[in-house]
Amino acid sequence: MAIRTISEFMTPTPVCIAPELPLAEARARMYQLEARHLPVVDDGELVGILSERDIALVDAVLGRADTLAVRQAMTPMPFTCGPHAHLHAVAAEMAAHKYGAAVVVDPDHPGHVVGVFTTTDALRALSEIAGHGVA
């Protein structure tokens, strides 16, 4: 069986957001895109990831998520991998640490985002590998 890589299953060239973006705008963008994770990029470099869970946590603790900027709610230094990383290794790491996503970065420019691999992508991969392709 051939080794499968993240590049086969990731979402390429994801929408990235700036750390100064108001959280209300980020939430609206996530809703529009039907995305649960958005990489946060500052001057072309990855600085974090914002998830629906991050927003919910800020809402629960502070009760005012929409008055903050992305920087105040994001997860800094997110889990990253390269596009040629082995699917099984990335999925195992995500499961072990309960990561909802891996930001896929250019191996030659580690701060440059080239994709996102989420738990949904992992389930699609599992379905394909098990022989039950998902549309």
N, C-alpha and C. Protein backbone atom coordinates (compact mmCIF):
# COMPACT_ATOMS: atom_id res chain seq x y z
N MET A 1 0.84 -1.18 0.00
CA MET A 1 0.00 0.00 0.00
C MET A 1 0.89 1.25 0.00
N ALA A 2 0.58 2.20 -0.85
CA ALA A 2 1.35 3.43 -0.95
C ALA A 2 1.14 4.30 0.28
N ILE A 3 2.19 5.02 0.63
CA ILE A 3 2.08 5.96 1.75
C ILE A 3 1.32 7.18 1.27
N ARG A 4 0.29 7.54 2.01
CA ARG A 4 -0.55 8.69 1.66
C ARG A 4 -0.03 9.92 2.40
N THR A 5 -0.11 11.06 1.73
CA THR A 5 0.39 12.29 2.32
C THR A 5 -0.73 13.30 2.55
N ILE A 6 -0.43 14.26 3.38
CA ILE A 6 -1.39 15.30 3.73
C ILE A 6 -1.85 16.07 2.50
N SER A 7 -0.96 16.29 1.54
CA SER A 7 -1.32 17.08 0.35
C SER A 7 -2.49 16.47 -0.42
N GLU A 8 -2.71 15.17 -0.27
CA GLU A 8 -3.81 14.51 -0.97
C GLU A 8 -5.17 14.84 -0.37
N PHE A 9 -5.19 15.26 0.89
CA PHE A 9 -6.45 15.42 1.59
C PHE A 9 -6.67 16.81 2.19
N MET A 10 -5.65 17.64 2.21
CA MET A 10 -5.77 18.97 2.83
C MET A 10 -6.65 19.89 1.98
N THR A 11 -7.08 20.96 2.60
CA THR A 11 -7.73 22.05 1.89
C THR A 11 -6.61 22.99 1.46
N PRO A 12 -6.34 23.09 0.15
CA PRO A 12 -5.23 23.95 -0.28
C PRO A 12 -5.60 25.43 -0.23
N THR A 13 -4.58 26.25 -0.13
CA THR A 13 -4.70 27.72 -0.11
C THR A 13 -5.92 28.21 0.67
N PRO A 14 -5.94 27.95 1.98
CA PRO A 14 -7.08 28.37 2.78
C PRO A 14 -7.13 29.89 2.93
N VAL A 15 -8.30 30.38 3.25
CA VAL A 15 -8.45 31.79 3.60
C VAL A 15 -7.74 32.00 4.92
N CYS A 16 -6.88 32.99 4.98
CA CYS A 16 -6.17 33.33 6.21
C CYS A 16 -6.67 34.69 6.69
N ILE A 17 -6.56 34.92 7.98
CA ILE A 17 -7.02 36.18 8.55
C ILE A 17 -5.88 36.85 9.31
N ALA A 18 -6.04 38.14 9.54
CA ALA A 18 -5.03 38.93 10.25
C ALA A 18 -5.33 38.93 11.75
N PRO A 19 -4.32 39.03 12.58
CA PRO A 19 -4.53 39.03 14.02
C PRO A 19 -5.32 40.25 14.52
N GLU A 20 -5.31 41.34 13.76
CA GLU A 20 -6.03 42.55 14.17
C GLU A 20 -7.51 42.53 13.78
N LEU A 21 -7.91 41.56 12.96
CA LEU A 21 -9.30 41.48 12.51
C LEU A 21 -10.23 41.35 13.72
N PRO A 22 -11.31 42.13 13.76
CA PRO A 22 -12.27 41.96 14.86
C PRO A 22 -12.83 40.53 14.86
N LEU A 23 -12.98 39.99 16.04
CA LEU A 23 -13.47 38.62 16.17
C LEU A 23 -14.85 38.45 15.54
N ALA A 24 -15.68 39.49 15.61
CA ALA A 24 -17.01 39.41 15.00
C ALA A 24 -16.89 39.19 13.49
N GLU A 25 -15.92 39.86 12.85
CA GLU A 25 -15.71 39.66 11.41
C GLU A 25 -15.16 38.27 11.12
N ALA A 26 -14.27 37.80 11.97
CA ALA A 26 -13.71 36.46 11.79
C ALA A 26 -14.81 35.41 11.92
N ARG A 27 -15.68 35.59 12.89
CA ARG A 27 -16.79 34.66 13.08
C ARG A 27 -17.69 34.65 11.85
N ALA A 28 -17.99 35.83 11.31
CA ALA A 28 -18.83 35.93 10.11
C ALA A 28 -18.16 35.26 8.92
N ARG A 29 -16.86 35.45 8.79
CA ARG A 29 -16.12 34.84 7.68
C ARG A 29 -16.14 33.32 7.80
N MET A 30 -15.97 32.81 9.01
CA MET A 30 -16.02 31.37 9.23
C MET A 30 -17.39 30.82 8.82
N TYR A 31 -18.43 31.54 9.19
CA TYR A 31 -19.79 31.12 8.85
C TYR A 31 -19.97 31.10 7.33
N GLN A 32 -19.53 32.18 6.66
CA GLN A 32 -19.66 32.27 5.20
C GLN A 32 -18.92 31.13 4.50
N LEU A 33 -17.74 30.82 4.99
CA LEU A 33 -16.89 29.82 4.36
C LEU A 33 -17.21 28.39 4.81
N GLU A 34 -18.08 28.27 5.81
CA GLU A 34 -18.36 26.98 6.44
C GLU A 34 -17.07 26.34 6.91
N ALA A 35 -16.23 27.16 7.54
CA ALA A 35 -14.93 26.71 8.05
C ALA A 35 -14.93 26.79 9.57
N ARG A 36 -14.30 25.82 10.20
CA ARG A 36 -14.19 25.84 11.66
C ARG A 36 -12.81 26.27 12.13
N HIS A 37 -11.87 26.41 11.20
CA HIS A 37 -10.50 26.81 11.53
C HIS A 37 -9.98 27.76 10.46
N LEU A 38 -9.37 28.87 10.90
CA LEU A 38 -8.74 29.80 9.96
C LEU A 38 -7.33 30.10 10.44
N PRO A 39 -6.34 29.90 9.59
CA PRO A 39 -4.98 30.29 9.97
C PRO A 39 -4.90 31.81 10.15
N VAL A 40 -4.07 32.22 11.09
CA VAL A 40 -3.87 33.64 11.35
C VAL A 40 -2.46 33.99 10.88
N VAL A 41 -2.38 34.96 9.97
CA VAL A 41 -1.13 35.32 9.33
C VAL A 41 -0.86 36.81 9.53
N ASP A 42 0.37 37.13 9.90
CA ASP A 42 0.79 38.52 10.07
C ASP A 42 2.03 38.75 9.21
N ASP A 43 1.96 39.70 8.30
CA ASP A 43 3.07 39.98 7.37
C ASP A 43 3.52 38.72 6.63
N GLY A 44 2.56 37.90 6.21
CA GLY A 44 2.87 36.70 5.44
C GLY A 44 3.37 35.52 6.25
N GLU A 45 3.41 35.65 7.56
CA GLU A 45 3.92 34.58 8.43
C GLU A 45 2.81 34.05 9.34
N LEU A 46 2.75 32.74 9.48
CA LEU A 46 1.78 32.11 10.37
C LEU A 46 2.07 32.50 11.82
N VAL A 47 1.05 33.00 12.52
CA VAL A 47 1.21 33.35 13.94
C VAL A 47 0.22 32.61 14.83
N GLY A 48 -0.78 31.96 14.22
CA GLY A 48 -1.76 31.25 15.04
C GLY A 48 -2.84 30.62 14.19
N ILE A 49 -3.83 30.08 14.88
CA ILE A 49 -5.02 29.54 14.23
C ILE A 49 -6.21 29.92 15.10
N LEU A 50 -7.30 30.27 14.45
CA LEU A 50 -8.53 30.60 15.17
C LEU A 50 -9.54 29.51 14.86
N SER A 51 -10.14 28.96 15.90
CA SER A 51 -11.15 27.92 15.72
C SER A 51 -12.47 28.38 16.33
N GLU A 52 -13.53 27.72 15.91
CA GLU A 52 -14.83 27.97 16.54
C GLU A 52 -14.73 27.74 18.04
N ARG A 53 -13.96 26.75 18.44
CA ARG A 53 -13.78 26.43 19.85
C ARG A 53 -13.12 27.58 20.60
N ASP A 54 -12.13 28.22 19.97
CA ASP A 54 -11.47 29.38 20.59
C ASP A 54 -12.49 30.49 20.86
N ILE A 55 -13.34 30.76 19.87
CA ILE A 55 -14.34 31.81 20.01
C ILE A 55 -15.34 31.45 21.10
N ALA A 56 -15.78 30.20 21.13
CA ALA A 56 -16.73 29.75 22.15
C ALA A 56 -16.13 29.87 23.55
N LEU A 57 -14.85 29.54 23.68
CA LEU A 57 -14.19 29.63 24.98
C LEU A 57 -14.12 31.08 25.46
N VAL A 58 -13.75 31.99 24.58
CA VAL A 58 -13.70 33.41 24.95
C VAL A 58 -15.10 33.90 25.31
N ASP A 59 -16.10 33.48 24.54
CA ASP A 59 -17.48 33.85 24.86
C ASP A 59 -17.87 33.35 26.25
N ALA A 60 -17.54 32.11 26.55
CA ALA A 60 -17.91 31.52 27.84
C ALA A 60 -17.20 32.18 29.01
N VAL A 61 -15.92 32.48 28.84
CA VAL A 61 -15.13 33.04 29.94
C VAL A 61 -15.37 34.54 30.10
N LEU A 62 -15.35 35.27 29.00
CA LEU A 62 -15.46 36.73 29.07
C LEU A 62 -16.84 37.26 28.72
N GLY A 63 -17.60 36.47 27.97
CA GLY A 63 -18.93 36.90 27.58
C GLY A 63 -18.95 38.05 26.59
N ARG A 64 -17.83 38.30 25.93
CA ARG A 64 -17.76 39.44 25.00
C ARG A 64 -16.79 39.19 23.86
N ALA A 65 -16.85 38.05 23.28
CA ALA A 65 -15.90 37.69 22.23
C ALA A 65 -15.91 38.68 21.08
N ASP A 66 -17.07 39.19 20.72
CA ASP A 66 -17.16 40.05 19.54
C ASP A 66 -16.51 41.42 19.73
N THR A 67 -16.11 41.77 20.94
CA THR A 67 -15.45 43.05 21.17
C THR A 67 -13.93 42.93 21.09
N LEU A 68 -13.44 41.74 20.87
CA LEU A 68 -11.99 41.49 20.87
C LEU A 68 -11.46 41.34 19.44
N ALA A 69 -10.15 41.30 19.34
CA ALA A 69 -9.49 41.02 18.06
C ALA A 69 -9.11 39.54 18.02
N VAL A 70 -8.88 39.05 16.83
CA VAL A 70 -8.50 37.65 16.63
C VAL A 70 -7.31 37.28 17.51
N ARG A 71 -6.31 38.16 17.59
CA ARG A 71 -5.10 37.89 18.37
C ARG A 71 -5.42 37.48 19.82
N GLN A 72 -6.50 38.03 20.36
CA GLN A 72 -6.85 37.78 21.76
C GLN A 72 -7.55 36.44 21.97
N ALA A 73 -7.95 35.79 20.90
CA ALA A 73 -8.67 34.51 21.03
C ALA A 73 -7.97 33.35 20.35
N MET A 74 -7.06 33.64 19.43
CA MET A 74 -6.43 32.58 18.63
C MET A 74 -5.52 31.69 19.48
N THR A 75 -5.21 30.55 18.93
CA THR A 75 -4.20 29.67 19.51
C THR A 75 -2.88 30.00 18.83
N PRO A 76 -1.91 30.53 19.59
CA PRO A 76 -0.63 30.85 18.97
C PRO A 76 0.18 29.58 18.72
N MET A 77 1.11 29.65 17.79
CA MET A 77 2.00 28.53 17.47
C MET A 77 1.23 27.22 17.28
N PRO A 78 0.35 27.17 16.28
CA PRO A 78 -0.45 25.96 16.09
C PRO A 78 0.39 24.79 15.58
N PHE A 79 -0.19 23.62 15.66
CA PHE A 79 0.43 22.41 15.12
C PHE A 79 0.56 22.57 13.61
N THR A 80 1.75 22.31 13.09
CA THR A 80 1.99 22.43 11.65
C THR A 80 2.62 21.15 11.11
N CYS A 81 2.53 21.02 9.81
CA CYS A 81 3.19 19.93 9.10
C CYS A 81 3.45 20.39 7.68
N GLY A 82 4.24 19.64 6.95
CA GLY A 82 4.47 19.92 5.55
C GLY A 82 3.49 19.16 4.68
N PRO A 83 3.34 19.54 3.43
CA PRO A 83 2.39 18.86 2.56
C PRO A 83 2.75 17.41 2.27
N HIS A 84 4.02 17.05 2.44
CA HIS A 84 4.44 15.68 2.16
C HIS A 84 4.52 14.82 3.43
N ALA A 85 4.01 15.37 4.54
CA ALA A 85 3.97 14.59 5.79
C ALA A 85 3.05 13.39 5.58
N HIS A 86 3.38 12.30 6.23
CA HIS A 86 2.57 11.08 6.11
C HIS A 86 1.25 11.26 6.84
N LEU A 87 0.19 10.90 6.17
CA LEU A 87 -1.16 11.02 6.71
C LEU A 87 -1.26 10.36 8.08
N HIS A 88 -0.75 9.14 8.21
CA HIS A 88 -0.89 8.42 9.48
C HIS A 88 -0.17 9.14 10.62
N ALA A 89 0.98 9.75 10.36
CA ALA A 89 1.73 10.44 11.41
C ALA A 89 1.01 11.70 11.87
N VAL A 90 0.49 12.46 10.92
CA VAL A 90 -0.23 13.70 11.28
C VAL A 90 -1.52 13.36 12.01
N ALA A 91 -2.26 12.39 11.52
CA ALA A 91 -3.52 12.00 12.18
C ALA A 91 -3.25 11.48 13.59
N ALA A 92 -2.18 10.72 13.77
CA ALA A 92 -1.84 10.21 15.11
C ALA A 92 -1.50 11.36 16.06
N GLU A 93 -0.75 12.32 15.58
CA GLU A 93 -0.38 13.49 16.40
C GLU A 93 -1.62 14.30 16.76
N MET A 94 -2.50 14.50 15.79
CA MET A 94 -3.73 15.25 16.06
C MET A 94 -4.59 14.52 17.09
N ALA A 95 -4.70 13.22 16.98
CA ALA A 95 -5.49 12.44 17.93
C ALA A 95 -4.86 12.46 19.32
N ALA A 96 -3.55 12.31 19.39
CA ALA A 96 -2.86 12.26 20.68
C ALA A 96 -2.99 13.57 21.46
N HIS A 97 -3.01 14.68 20.74
CA HIS A 97 -3.05 15.99 21.41
C HIS A 97 -4.40 16.69 21.27
N LYS A 98 -5.36 16.01 20.66
CA LYS A 98 -6.71 16.55 20.45
C LYS A 98 -6.69 17.85 19.65
N TYR A 99 -5.83 17.91 18.63
CA TYR A 99 -5.81 19.05 17.73
C TYR A 99 -6.95 18.91 16.73
N GLY A 100 -7.65 19.99 16.48
CA GLY A 100 -8.72 19.97 15.49
C GLY A 100 -8.24 20.20 14.08
N ALA A 101 -6.99 20.68 13.96
CA ALA A 101 -6.45 20.97 12.63
C ALA A 101 -4.94 21.03 12.68
N ALA A 102 -4.35 20.81 11.51
CA ALA A 102 -2.92 21.03 11.30
C ALA A 102 -2.81 22.06 10.20
N VAL A 103 -2.02 23.08 10.44
CA VAL A 103 -1.76 24.07 9.39
C VAL A 103 -0.61 23.52 8.54
N VAL A 104 -0.84 23.43 7.26
CA VAL A 104 0.16 22.88 6.35
C VAL A 104 1.00 24.04 5.81
N VAL A 105 2.31 23.94 6.03
CA VAL A 105 3.21 25.03 5.66
C VAL A 105 4.22 24.57 4.61
N ASP A 106 4.72 25.52 3.87
CA ASP A 106 5.74 25.27 2.85
C ASP A 106 7.03 24.84 3.55
N PRO A 107 7.57 23.66 3.22
CA PRO A 107 8.79 23.21 3.91
C PRO A 107 9.99 24.14 3.69
N ASP A 108 9.99 24.87 2.59
CA ASP A 108 11.09 25.80 2.32
C ASP A 108 10.89 27.16 2.98
N HIS A 109 9.65 27.47 3.35
CA HIS A 109 9.29 28.72 4.03
C HIS A 109 8.28 28.37 5.12
N PRO A 110 8.73 27.87 6.27
CA PRO A 110 7.84 27.31 7.30
C PRO A 110 6.74 28.23 7.83
N GLY A 111 6.82 29.52 7.59
CA GLY A 111 5.75 30.42 8.02
C GLY A 111 4.69 30.65 6.97
N HIS A 112 4.91 30.11 5.76
CA HIS A 112 3.99 30.33 4.64
C HIS A 112 2.95 29.20 4.58
N VAL A 113 1.68 29.56 4.74
CA VAL A 113 0.59 28.59 4.78
C VAL A 113 0.23 28.15 3.36
N VAL A 114 0.19 26.82 3.16
CA VAL A 114 -0.20 26.26 1.86
C VAL A 114 -1.48 25.43 1.95
N GLY A 115 -1.94 25.15 3.18
CA GLY A 115 -3.15 24.36 3.33
C GLY A 115 -3.53 24.19 4.79
N VAL A 116 -4.68 23.56 4.98
CA VAL A 116 -5.15 23.19 6.31
C VAL A 116 -5.66 21.76 6.22
N PHE A 117 -5.34 20.96 7.20
CA PHE A 117 -5.81 19.58 7.29
C PHE A 117 -6.59 19.48 8.59
N THR A 118 -7.90 19.23 8.50
CA THR A 118 -8.77 19.20 9.67
C THR A 118 -9.24 17.78 9.99
N THR A 119 -9.94 17.66 11.10
CA THR A 119 -10.50 16.35 11.44
C THR A 119 -11.50 15.89 10.38
N THR A 120 -12.20 16.82 9.76
CA THR A 120 -13.11 16.46 8.66
C THR A 120 -12.32 15.88 7.50
N ASP A 121 -11.18 16.48 7.18
CA ASP A 121 -10.32 15.94 6.12
C ASP A 121 -9.83 14.54 6.49
N ALA A 122 -9.51 14.35 7.77
CA ALA A 122 -9.05 13.04 8.24
C ALA A 122 -10.14 11.99 8.07
N LEU A 123 -11.38 12.37 8.35
CA LEU A 123 -12.49 11.43 8.17
C LEU A 123 -12.72 11.11 6.69
N ARG A 124 -12.56 12.11 5.83
CA ARG A 124 -12.66 11.85 4.38
C ARG A 124 -11.56 10.88 3.94
N ALA A 125 -10.37 11.08 4.47
CA ALA A 125 -9.25 10.18 4.13
C ALA A 125 -9.56 8.76 4.59
N LEU A 126 -10.05 8.63 5.81
CA LEU A 126 -10.40 7.32 6.34
C LEU A 126 -11.45 6.64 5.46
N SER A 127 -12.46 7.41 5.07
CA SER A 127 -13.51 6.86 4.23
C SER A 127 -12.96 6.39 2.89
N GLU A 128 -12.08 7.19 2.29
CA GLU A 128 -11.50 6.81 1.00
C GLU A 128 -10.63 5.57 1.13
N ILE A 129 -9.80 5.55 2.16
CA ILE A 129 -8.89 4.43 2.36
C ILE A 129 -9.66 3.14 2.66
N ALA A 130 -10.77 3.29 3.37
CA ALA A 130 -11.60 2.13 3.70
C ALA A 130 -12.41 1.66 2.49
N GLY A 131 -12.36 2.44 1.40
CA GLY A 131 -13.05 2.02 0.19
C GLY A 131 -14.46 2.53 0.03
N HIS A 132 -14.80 3.54 0.81
CA HIS A 132 -16.14 4.09 0.74
C HIS A 132 -16.05 5.58 0.44
N GLY A 133 -15.57 5.95 -0.73
CA GLY A 133 -15.34 7.35 -1.11
C GLY A 133 -16.50 8.26 -0.78
N VAL A 134 -16.16 9.46 -0.35
CA VAL A 134 -17.15 10.48 -0.01
C VAL A 134 -17.10 11.55 -1.08
N ALA A 135 -18.26 12.02 -1.51
CA ALA A 135 -18.30 13.09 -2.52
C ALA A 135 -17.94 14.41 -1.90
